[in-house]
PDB file of N, CA and C in Angstrom:
ATOM      1  N   MET A   1       0.839  -1.172   0.000  1.00  0.00           N
ATOM      2  CA  MET A   1       0.000   0.000   0.000  1.00  0.00           C
ATOM      3  C   MET A   1       0.895   1.249   0.000  1.00  0.00           C
ATOM      4  N   SER A   2       0.531   2.221  -0.805  1.00  0.00           N
ATOM      5  CA  SER A   2       1.308   3.456  -0.863  1.00  0.00           C
ATOM      6  C   SER A   2       0.946   4.365   0.302  1.00  0.00           C
ATOM      7  N   ILE A   3       1.767   5.372   0.481  1.00  0.00           N
ATOM      8  CA  ILE A   3       1.577   6.359   1.542  1.00  0.00           C
ATOM      9  C   ILE A   3       1.587   7.745   0.898  1.00  0.00           C
ATOM     10  N   THR A   4       0.737   8.633   1.383  1.00  0.00           N
ATOM     11  CA  THR A   4       0.696  10.001   0.870  1.00  0.00           C
ATOM     12  C   THR A   4       1.225  10.941   1.937  1.00  0.00           C
ATOM     13  N   ARG A   5       2.094  11.824   1.531  1.00  0.00           N
ATOM     14  CA  ARG A   5       2.637  12.855   2.417  1.00  0.00           C
ATOM     15  C   ARG A   5       2.092  14.189   1.929  1.00  0.00           C
ATOM     16  N   ILE A   6       1.436  14.939   2.821  1.00  0.00           N
ATOM     17  CA  ILE A   6       0.932  16.260   2.480  1.00  0.00           C
ATOM     18  C   ILE A   6       1.679  17.271   3.329  1.00  0.00           C
ATOM     19  N   ASN A   7       2.348  18.196   2.644  1.00  0.00           N
ATOM     20  CA  ASN A   7       3.151  19.229   3.289  1.00  0.00           C
ATOM     21  C   ASN A   7       2.498  20.583   3.054  1.00  0.00           C
ATOM     22  N   HIS A   8       2.427  21.396   4.102  1.00  0.00           N
ATOM     23  CA  HIS A   8       1.808  22.719   4.017  1.00  0.00           C
ATOM     24  C   HIS A   8       2.851  23.795   4.303  1.00  0.00           C
ATOM     25  N   PHE A   9       2.830  24.841   3.469  1.00  0.00           N
ATOM     26  CA  PHE A   9       3.756  25.961   3.600  1.00  0.00           C
ATOM     27  C   PHE A   9       2.961  27.263   3.529  1.00  0.00           C
ATOM     28  N   GLU A  10       3.431  28.268   4.260  1.00  0.00           N
ATOM     29  CA  GLU A  10       2.847  29.596   4.142  1.00  0.00           C
ATOM     30  C   GLU A  10       3.985  30.580   3.931  1.00  0.00           C
ATOM     31  N   ALA A  11       3.894  31.323   2.844  1.00  0.00           N
ATOM     32  CA  ALA A  11       4.945  32.275   2.493  1.00  0.00           C
ATOM     33  C   ALA A  11       4.899  33.492   3.403  1.00  0.00           C
ATOM     34  N   ALA A  12       6.071  34.016   3.711  1.00  0.00           N
ATOM     35  CA  ALA A  12       6.176  35.291   4.423  1.00  0.00           C
ATOM     36  C   ALA A  12       5.649  36.397   3.506  1.00  0.00           C
ATOM     37  N   GLU A  13       5.275  37.499   4.092  1.00  0.00           N
ATOM     38  CA  GLU A  13       4.743  38.638   3.336  1.00  0.00           C
ATOM     39  C   GLU A  13       5.666  38.995   2.169  1.00  0.00           C
ATOM     40  N   GLY A  14       5.095  39.022   0.969  1.00  0.00           N
ATOM     41  CA  GLY A  14       5.844  39.412  -0.221  1.00  0.00           C
ATOM     42  C   GLY A  14       6.788  38.354  -0.764  1.00  0.00           C
ATOM     43  N   LYS A  15       6.764  37.138  -0.190  1.00  0.00           N
ATOM     44  CA  LYS A  15       7.714  36.089  -0.590  1.00  0.00           C
ATOM     45  C   LYS A  15       7.047  34.910  -1.296  1.00  0.00           C
ATOM     46  N   GLY A  16       5.775  35.049  -1.661  1.00  0.00           N
ATOM     47  CA  GLY A  16       5.049  33.943  -2.278  1.00  0.00           C
ATOM     48  C   GLY A  16       5.682  33.433  -3.556  1.00  0.00           C
ATOM     49  N   ALA A  17       6.073  34.339  -4.450  1.00  0.00           N
ATOM     50  CA  ALA A  17       6.677  33.924  -5.721  1.00  0.00           C
ATOM     51  C   ALA A  17       8.023  33.247  -5.489  1.00  0.00           C
ATOM     52  N   ASP A  18       8.794  33.770  -4.529  1.00  0.00           N
ATOM     53  CA  ASP A  18      10.100  33.173  -4.224  1.00  0.00           C
ATOM     54  C   ASP A  18       9.932  31.772  -3.631  1.00  0.00           C
ATOM     55  N   LEU A  19       8.956  31.619  -2.735  1.00  0.00           N
ATOM     56  CA  LEU A  19       8.728  30.310  -2.125  1.00  0.00           C
ATOM     57  C   LEU A  19       8.252  29.313  -3.180  1.00  0.00           C
ATOM     58  N   LEU A  20       7.362  29.750  -4.040  1.00  0.00           N
ATOM     59  CA  LEU A  20       6.868  28.871  -5.097  1.00  0.00           C
ATOM     60  C   LEU A  20       8.014  28.418  -6.002  1.00  0.00           C
ATOM     61  N   ALA A  21       8.893  29.325  -6.374  1.00  0.00           N
ATOM     62  CA  ALA A  21      10.045  28.974  -7.216  1.00  0.00           C
ATOM     63  C   ALA A  21      10.962  27.986  -6.495  1.00  0.00           C
ATOM     64  N   PHE A  22      11.203  28.212  -5.223  1.00  0.00           N
ATOM     65  CA  PHE A  22      12.035  27.309  -4.440  1.00  0.00           C
ATOM     66  C   PHE A  22      11.416  25.910  -4.406  1.00  0.00           C
ATOM     67  N   LEU A  23      10.121  25.859  -4.134  1.00  0.00           N
ATOM     68  CA  LEU A  23       9.454  24.563  -4.015  1.00  0.00           C
ATOM     69  C   LEU A  23       9.361  23.832  -5.354  1.00  0.00           C
ATOM     70  N   ARG A  24       9.327  24.559  -6.444  1.00  0.00           N
ATOM     71  CA  ARG A  24       9.381  23.896  -7.766  1.00  0.00           C
ATOM     72  C   ARG A  24      10.678  23.104  -7.897  1.00  0.00           C
ATOM     73  N   GLY A  25      11.767  23.676  -7.411  1.00  0.00           N
ATOM     74  CA  GLY A  25      13.048  22.972  -7.436  1.00  0.00           C
ATOM     75  C   GLY A  25      13.041  21.737  -6.559  1.00  0.00           C
ATOM     76  N   VAL A  26      12.409  21.847  -5.395  1.00  0.00           N
ATOM     77  CA  VAL A  26      12.299  20.696  -4.490  1.00  0.00           C
ATOM     78  C   VAL A  26      11.487  19.591  -5.158  1.00  0.00           C
ATOM     79  N   VAL A  27      10.357  19.954  -5.748  1.00  0.00           N
ATOM     80  CA  VAL A  27       9.492  18.964  -6.401  1.00  0.00           C
ATOM     81  C   VAL A  27      10.243  18.255  -7.529  1.00  0.00           C
ATOM     82  N   ALA A  28      11.044  18.992  -8.270  1.00  0.00           N
ATOM     83  CA  ALA A  28      11.823  18.385  -9.357  1.00  0.00           C
ATOM     84  C   ALA A  28      12.760  17.305  -8.818  1.00  0.00           C
ATOM     85  N   VAL A  29      13.359  17.542  -7.673  1.00  0.00           N
ATOM     86  CA  VAL A  29      14.247  16.545  -7.055  1.00  0.00           C
ATOM     87  C   VAL A  29      13.433  15.374  -6.517  1.00  0.00           C
ATOM     88  N   VAL A  30      12.338  15.679  -5.820  1.00  0.00           N
ATOM     89  CA  VAL A  30      11.514  14.626  -5.219  1.00  0.00           C
ATOM     90  C   VAL A  30      11.035  13.636  -6.279  1.00  0.00           C
ATOM     91  N   ARG A  31      10.607  14.146  -7.406  1.00  0.00           N
ATOM     92  CA  ARG A  31      10.064  13.279  -8.470  1.00  0.00           C
ATOM     93  C   ARG A  31      11.084  12.258  -8.985  1.00  0.00           C
ATOM     94  N   THR A  32      12.365  12.514  -8.798  1.00  0.00           N
ATOM     95  CA  THR A  32      13.409  11.601  -9.284  1.00  0.00           C
ATOM     96  C   THR A  32      13.811  10.546  -8.257  1.00  0.00           C
ATOM     97  N   GLN A  33      13.271  10.624  -7.059  1.00  0.00           N
ATOM     98  CA  GLN A  33      13.715   9.750  -5.985  1.00  0.00           C
ATOM     99  C   GLN A  33      13.055   8.378  -6.051  1.00  0.00           C
ATOM    100  N   HIS A  34      13.837   7.378  -5.672  1.00  0.00           N
ATOM    101  CA  HIS A  34      13.359   5.996  -5.658  1.00  0.00           C
ATOM    102  C   HIS A  34      12.155   5.879  -4.724  1.00  0.00           C
ATOM    103  N   GLY A  35      11.095   5.275  -5.216  1.00  0.00           N
ATOM    104  CA  GLY A  35       9.904   5.060  -4.412  1.00  0.00           C
ATOM    105  C   GLY A  35       8.856   6.147  -4.544  1.00  0.00           C
ATOM    106  N   CYS A  36       9.169   7.221  -5.274  1.00  0.00           N
ATOM    107  CA  CYS A  36       8.199   8.300  -5.475  1.00  0.00           C
ATOM    108  C   CYS A  36       7.245   7.910  -6.608  1.00  0.00           C
ATOM    109  N   GLN A  37       5.963   7.884  -6.305  1.00  0.00           N
ATOM    110  CA  GLN A  37       4.946   7.571  -7.302  1.00  0.00           C
ATOM    111  C   GLN A  37       4.358   8.827  -7.931  1.00  0.00           C
ATOM    112  N   GLY A  38       4.555   9.960  -7.284  1.00  0.00           N
ATOM    113  CA  GLY A  38       4.040  11.209  -7.822  1.00  0.00           C
ATOM    114  C   GLY A  38       4.225  12.339  -6.827  1.00  0.00           C
ATOM    115  N   CYS A  39       4.261  13.566  -7.354  1.00  0.00           N
ATOM    116  CA  CYS A  39       4.463  14.731  -6.503  1.00  0.00           C
ATOM    117  C   CYS A  39       3.812  15.932  -7.188  1.00  0.00           C
ATOM    118  N   HIS A  40       2.976  16.644  -6.448  1.00  0.00           N
ATOM    119  CA  HIS A  40       2.246  17.790  -6.996  1.00  0.00           C
ATOM    120  C   HIS A  40       2.448  19.014  -6.124  1.00  0.00           C
ATOM    121  N   LEU A  41       2.695  20.129  -6.752  1.00  0.00           N
ATOM    122  CA  LEU A  41       2.834  21.424  -6.082  1.00  0.00           C
ATOM    123  C   LEU A  41       1.531  22.183  -6.297  1.00  0.00           C
ATOM    124  N   LEU A  42       0.875  22.566  -5.207  1.00  0.00           N
ATOM    125  CA  LEU A  42      -0.434  23.208  -5.275  1.00  0.00           C
ATOM    126  C   LEU A  42      -0.411  24.558  -4.572  1.00  0.00           C
ATOM    127  N   ARG A  43      -1.076  25.528  -5.178  1.00  0.00           N
ATOM    128  CA  ARG A  43      -1.202  26.856  -4.573  1.00  0.00           C
ATOM    129  C   ARG A  43      -2.679  27.087  -4.270  1.00  0.00           C
ATOM    130  N   ASP A  44      -2.965  27.571  -3.073  1.00  0.00           N
ATOM    131  CA  ASP A  44      -4.339  27.845  -2.654  1.00  0.00           C
ATOM    132  C   ASP A  44      -4.965  28.868  -3.594  1.00  0.00           C
ATOM    133  N   ALA A  45      -6.142  28.567  -4.109  1.00  0.00           N
ATOM    134  CA  ALA A  45      -6.816  29.441  -5.068  1.00  0.00           C
ATOM    135  C   ALA A  45      -7.297  30.745  -4.435  1.00  0.00           C
ATOM    136  N   GLN A  46      -7.585  30.724  -3.141  1.00  0.00           N
ATOM    137  CA  GLN A  46      -8.079  31.920  -2.453  1.00  0.00           C
ATOM    138  C   GLN A  46      -6.981  32.678  -1.717  1.00  0.00           C
ATOM    139  N   GLU A  47      -5.982  31.953  -1.235  1.00  0.00           N
ATOM    140  CA  GLU A  47      -4.883  32.558  -0.479  1.00  0.00           C
ATOM    141  C   GLU A  47      -3.563  32.049  -1.059  1.00  0.00           C
ATOM    142  N   PRO A  48      -3.072  32.704  -2.109  1.00  0.00           N
ATOM    143  CA  PRO A  48      -1.923  32.186  -2.853  1.00  0.00           C
ATOM    144  C   PRO A  48      -0.620  32.092  -2.058  1.00  0.00           C
ATOM    145  N   GLN A  49      -0.560  32.681  -0.879  1.00  0.00           N
ATOM    146  CA  GLN A  49       0.642  32.532  -0.054  1.00  0.00           C
ATOM    147  C   GLN A  49       0.678  31.158   0.614  1.00  0.00           C
ATOM    148  N   ARG A  50      -0.432  30.430   0.542  1.00  0.00           N
ATOM    149  CA  ARG A  50      -0.487  29.077   1.089  1.00  0.00           C
ATOM    150  C   ARG A  50      -0.223  28.076  -0.029  1.00  0.00           C
ATOM    151  N   ILE A  51       0.726  27.205   0.223  1.00  0.00           N
ATOM    152  CA  ILE A  51       1.186  26.252  -0.786  1.00  0.00           C
ATOM    153  C   ILE A  51       1.224  24.869  -0.152  1.00  0.00           C
ATOM    154  N   ALA A  52       0.910  23.864  -0.938  1.00  0.00           N
ATOM    155  CA  ALA A  52       0.988  22.485  -0.468  1.00  0.00           C
ATOM    156  C   ALA A  52       1.758  21.649  -1.475  1.00  0.00           C
ATOM    157  N   ILE A  53       2.425  20.645  -0.965  1.00  0.00           N
ATOM    158  CA  ILE A  53       3.041  19.622  -1.803  1.00  0.00           C
ATOM    159  C   ILE A  53       2.415  18.299  -1.388  1.00  0.00           C
ATOM    160  N   VAL A  54       1.876  17.585  -2.364  1.00  0.00           N
ATOM    161  CA  VAL A  54       1.287  16.268  -2.122  1.00  0.00           C
ATOM    162  C   VAL A  54       2.189  15.243  -2.805  1.00  0.00           C
ATOM    163  N   GLU A  55       2.722  14.340  -2.004  1.00  0.00           N
ATOM    164  CA  GLU A  55       3.647  13.324  -2.503  1.00  0.00           C
ATOM    165  C   GLU A  55       3.051  11.940  -2.257  1.00  0.00           C
ATOM    166  N   VAL A  56       3.205  11.046  -3.204  1.00  0.00           N
ATOM    167  CA  VAL A  56       2.780   9.654  -3.021  1.00  0.00           C
ATOM    168  C   VAL A  56       4.030   8.784  -3.114  1.00  0.00           C
ATOM    169  N   TRP A  57       4.196   7.933  -2.107  1.00  0.00           N
ATOM    170  CA  TRP A  57       5.402   7.113  -1.965  1.00  0.00           C
ATOM    171  C   TRP A  57       5.051   5.645  -1.805  1.00  0.00           C
ATOM    172  N   ASP A  58       6.015   4.807  -2.123  1.00  0.00           N
ATOM    173  CA  ASP A  58       5.871   3.373  -1.875  1.00  0.00           C
ATOM    174  C   ASP A  58       5.726   3.102  -0.383  1.00  0.00           C
ATOM    175  N   SER A  59       6.438   3.913   0.438  1.00  0.00           N
ATOM    176  CA  SER A  59       6.397   3.719   1.890  1.00  0.00           C
ATOM    177  C   SER A  59       6.913   4.980   2.584  1.00  0.00           C
ATOM    178  N   ILE A  60       6.677   5.063   3.884  1.00  0.00           N
ATOM    179  CA  ILE A  60       7.228   6.164   4.677  1.00  0.00           C
ATOM    180  C   ILE A  60       8.749   6.122   4.624  1.00  0.00           C
ATOM    181  N   ALA A  61       9.310   4.938   4.681  1.00  0.00           N
ATOM    182  CA  ALA A  61      10.772   4.801   4.633  1.00  0.00           C
ATOM    183  C   ALA A  61      11.342   5.383   3.344  1.00  0.00           C
ATOM    184  N   HIS A  62      10.648   5.182   2.225  1.00  0.00           N
ATOM    185  CA  HIS A  62      11.114   5.762   0.962  1.00  0.00           C
ATOM    186  C   HIS A  62      11.105   7.289   1.044  1.00  0.00           C
ATOM    187  N   HIS A  63      10.056   7.856   1.618  1.00  0.00           N
ATOM    188  CA  HIS A  63      10.002   9.317   1.749  1.00  0.00           C
ATOM    189  C   HIS A  63      11.129   9.823   2.635  1.00  0.00           C
ATOM    190  N   GLN A  64      11.329   9.171   3.755  1.00  0.00           N
ATOM    191  CA  GLN A  64      12.366   9.615   4.685  1.00  0.00           C
ATOM    192  C   GLN A  64      13.751   9.519   4.066  1.00  0.00           C
ATOM    193  N   ALA A  65      13.995   8.493   3.287  1.00  0.00           N
ATOM    194  CA  ALA A  65      15.291   8.362   2.603  1.00  0.00           C
ATOM    195  C   ALA A  65      15.451   9.465   1.565  1.00  0.00           C
ATOM    196  N   ALA A  66      14.380   9.751   0.844  1.00  0.00           N
ATOM    197  CA  ALA A  66      14.437  10.781  -0.200  1.00  0.00           C
ATOM    198  C   ALA A  66      14.611  12.173   0.390  1.00  0.00           C
ATOM    199  N   ALA A  67      14.069  12.402   1.570  1.00  0.00           N
ATOM    200  CA  ALA A  67      14.195  13.718   2.201  1.00  0.00           C
ATOM    201  C   ALA A  67      15.663  14.088   2.402  1.00  0.00           C
ATOM    202  N   LYS A  68      16.499  13.104   2.535  1.00  0.00           N
ATOM    203  CA  LYS A  68      17.933  13.345   2.711  1.00  0.00           C
ATOM    204  C   LYS A  68      18.594  13.826   1.424  1.00  0.00           C
ATOM    205  N   ALA A  69      17.901  13.716   0.288  1.00  0.00           N
ATOM    206  CA  ALA A  69      18.461  14.147  -1.001  1.00  0.00           C
ATOM    207  C   ALA A  69      18.429  15.665  -1.157  1.00  0.00           C
ATOM    208  N   ILE A  70      17.616  16.353  -0.349  1.00  0.00           N
ATOM    209  CA  ILE A  70      17.566  17.818  -0.396  1.00  0.00           C
ATOM    210  C   ILE A  70      18.709  18.327   0.477  1.00  0.00           C
ATOM    211  N   PRO A  71      19.678  19.018  -0.115  1.00  0.00           N
ATOM    212  CA  PRO A  71      20.824  19.496   0.670  1.00  0.00           C
ATOM    213  C   PRO A  71      20.394  20.416   1.815  1.00  0.00           C
ATOM    214  N   ARG A  72      20.980  20.217   2.978  1.00  0.00           N
ATOM    215  CA  ARG A  72      20.664  21.034   4.165  1.00  0.00           C
ATOM    216  C   ARG A  72      20.840  22.522   3.876  1.00  0.00           C
ATOM    217  N   ALA A  73      21.866  22.879   3.123  1.00  0.00           N
ATOM    218  CA  ALA A  73      22.099  24.291   2.794  1.00  0.00           C
ATOM    219  C   ALA A  73      20.906  24.867   2.042  1.00  0.00           C
ATOM    220  N   GLN A  74      20.301  24.064   1.209  1.00  0.00           N
ATOM    221  CA  GLN A  74      19.128  24.512   0.452  1.00  0.00           C
ATOM    222  C   GLN A  74      17.938  24.715   1.391  1.00  0.00           C
ATOM    223  N   LEU A  75      17.796  23.842   2.370  1.00  0.00           N
ATOM    224  CA  LEU A  75      16.694  23.965   3.320  1.00  0.00           C
ATOM    225  C   LEU A  75      16.836  25.224   4.176  1.00  0.00           C
ATOM    226  N   VAL A  76      18.054  25.591   4.510  1.00  0.00           N
ATOM    227  CA  VAL A  76      18.293  26.809   5.284  1.00  0.00           C
ATOM    228  C   VAL A  76      17.864  28.036   4.477  1.00  0.00           C
ATOM    229  N   GLN A  77      18.040  27.998   3.169  1.00  0.00           N
ATOM    230  CA  GLN A  77      17.680  29.125   2.301  1.00  0.00           C
ATOM    231  C   GLN A  77      16.180  29.395   2.301  1.00  0.00           C
ATOM    232  N   VAL A  78      15.379  28.378   2.553  1.00  0.00           N
ATOM    233  CA  VAL A  78      13.928  28.561   2.482  1.00  0.00           C
ATOM    234  C   VAL A  78      13.368  29.256   3.726  1.00  0.00           C
ATOM    235  N   MET A  79      14.045  29.179   4.836  1.00  0.00           N
ATOM    236  CA  MET A  79      13.494  29.696   6.088  1.00  0.00           C
ATOM    237  C   MET A  79      13.043  31.159   6.013  1.00  0.00           C
ATOM    238  N   PRO A  80      13.810  32.080   5.404  1.00  0.00           N
ATOM    239  CA  PRO A  80      13.344  33.471   5.335  1.00  0.00           C
ATOM    240  C   PRO A  80      12.115  33.659   4.438  1.00  0.00           C
ATOM    241  N   LEU A  81      11.781  32.655   3.645  1.00  0.00           N
ATOM    242  CA  LEU A  81      10.629  32.746   2.751  1.00  0.00           C
ATOM    243  C   LEU A  81       9.329  32.322   3.429  1.00  0.00           C
ATOM    244  N   LEU A  82       9.440  31.759   4.634  1.00  0.00           N
ATOM    245  CA  LEU A  82       8.286  31.175   5.317  1.00  0.00           C
ATOM    246  C   LEU A  82       7.736  32.083   6.411  1.00  0.00           C
ATOM    247  N   ALA A  83       6.409  32.136   6.537  1.00  0.00           N
ATOM    248  CA  ALA A  83       5.754  32.869   7.616  1.00  0.00           C
ATOM    249  C   ALA A  83       5.707  32.020   8.890  1.00  0.00           C
ATOM    250  N   ALA A  84       5.763  30.698   8.730  1.00  0.00           N
ATOM    251  CA  ALA A  84       5.703  29.753   9.845  1.00  0.00           C
ATOM    252  C   ALA A  84       6.418  28.484   9.415  1.00  0.00           C
ATOM    253  N   PRO A  85       6.831  27.662  10.373  1.00  0.00           N
ATOM    254  CA  PRO A  85       7.461  26.400   9.996  1.00  0.00           C
ATOM    255  C   PRO A  85       6.514  25.545   9.151  1.00  0.00           C
ATOM    256  N   PRO A  86       7.054  24.843   8.166  1.00  0.00           N
ATOM    257  CA  PRO A  86       6.202  23.964   7.361  1.00  0.00           C
ATOM    258  C   PRO A  86       5.651  22.825   8.218  1.00  0.00           C
ATOM    259  N   LYS A  87       4.518  22.298   7.790  1.00  0.00           N
ATOM    260  CA  LYS A  87       3.895  21.173   8.488  1.00  0.00           C
ATOM    261  C   LYS A  87       3.651  20.058   7.477  1.00  0.00           C
ATOM    262  N   GLY A  88       3.746  18.835   7.936  1.00  0.00           N
ATOM    263  CA  GLY A  88       3.483  17.711   7.051  1.00  0.00           C
ATOM    264  C   GLY A  88       3.069  16.483   7.827  1.00  0.00           C
ATOM    265  N   ASN A  89       2.256  15.664   7.183  1.00  0.00           N
ATOM    266  CA  ASN A  89       1.790  14.422   7.785  1.00  0.00           C
ATOM    267  C   ASN A  89       1.719  13.338   6.723  1.00  0.00           C
ATOM    268  N   TYR A  90       1.743  12.093   7.204  1.00  0.00           N
ATOM    269  CA  TYR A  90       1.578  10.927   6.346  1.00  0.00           C
ATOM    270  C   TYR A  90       0.130  10.462   6.415  1.00  0.00           C
ATOM    271  N   TYR A  91      -0.396  10.033   5.268  1.00  0.00           N
ATOM    272  CA  TYR A  91      -1.771   9.559   5.184  1.00  0.00           C
ATOM    273  C   TYR A  91      -1.819   8.232   4.448  1.00  0.00           C
ATOM    274  N   GLU A  92      -2.709   7.366   4.915  1.00  0.00           N
ATOM    275  CA  GLU A  92      -2.990   6.107   4.233  1.00  0.00           C
ATOM    276  C   GLU A  92      -4.330   6.250   3.533  1.00  0.00           C
ATOM    277  N   ASP A  93      -4.466   5.654   2.376  1.00  0.00           N
ATOM    278  CA  ASP A  93      -5.723   5.691   1.636  1.00  0.00           C
ATOM    279  C   ASP A  93      -6.713   4.733   2.305  1.00  0.00           C
ATOM    280  N   ASP A  94      -7.786   5.287   2.805  1.00  0.00           N
ATOM    281  CA  ASP A  94      -8.782   4.483   3.495  1.00  0.00           C
ATOM    282  C   ASP A  94     -10.127   4.540   2.766  1.00  0.00           C
ATOM    283  N   SER A  95     -10.073   4.781   1.449  1.00  0.00           N
ATOM    284  CA  SER A  95     -11.292   4.915   0.648  1.00  0.00           C
ATOM    285  C   SER A  95     -12.176   3.679   0.702  1.00  0.00           C
ATOM    286  N   ASP A  96     -11.559   2.522   0.788  1.00  0.00           N
ATOM    287  CA  ASP A  96     -12.308   1.264   0.767  1.00  0.00           C
ATOM    288  C   ASP A  96     -12.499   0.672   2.144  1.00  0.00           C
ATOM    289  N   GLY A  97     -12.178   1.419   3.187  1.00  0.00           N
ATOM    290  CA  GLY A  97     -12.329   0.926   4.550  1.00  0.00           C
ATOM    291  C   GLY A  97     -11.148   0.057   4.973  1.00  0.00           C
ATOM    292  N   PRO A  98     -11.275  -0.586   6.119  1.00  0.00           N
ATOM    293  CA  PRO A  98     -10.172  -1.402   6.655  1.00  0.00           C
ATOM    294  C   PRO A  98      -9.761  -2.523   5.708  1.00  0.00           C
ATOM    295  N   THR A  99      -8.473  -2.783   5.714  1.00  0.00           N
ATOM    296  CA  THR A  99      -7.954  -3.876   4.875  1.00  0.00           C
ATOM    297  C   THR A  99      -7.637  -5.081   5.719  1.00  0.00           C
TER     298      THR A  99
END
């Protein structure tokens, strides 16, 4: 069974375009990682400073291994672009009920 990771970001005032550009680069890397089934960058239609990344993985372990592919120096660069720390959670597809 695959796992979905949903990450939420909120851009600092006036930094929405910069954050979106940064996250496009992250998504490009994520899509190349082993175990990634898909990755989408979404911008809130009503509040464009709110951005989400939805990732589908073979497993949580695959996501955690891939997270190490983003250089720490790059992650430090994103901090001034954020209004708050990013949040993320793992989700299992429960559309068909218990397995």
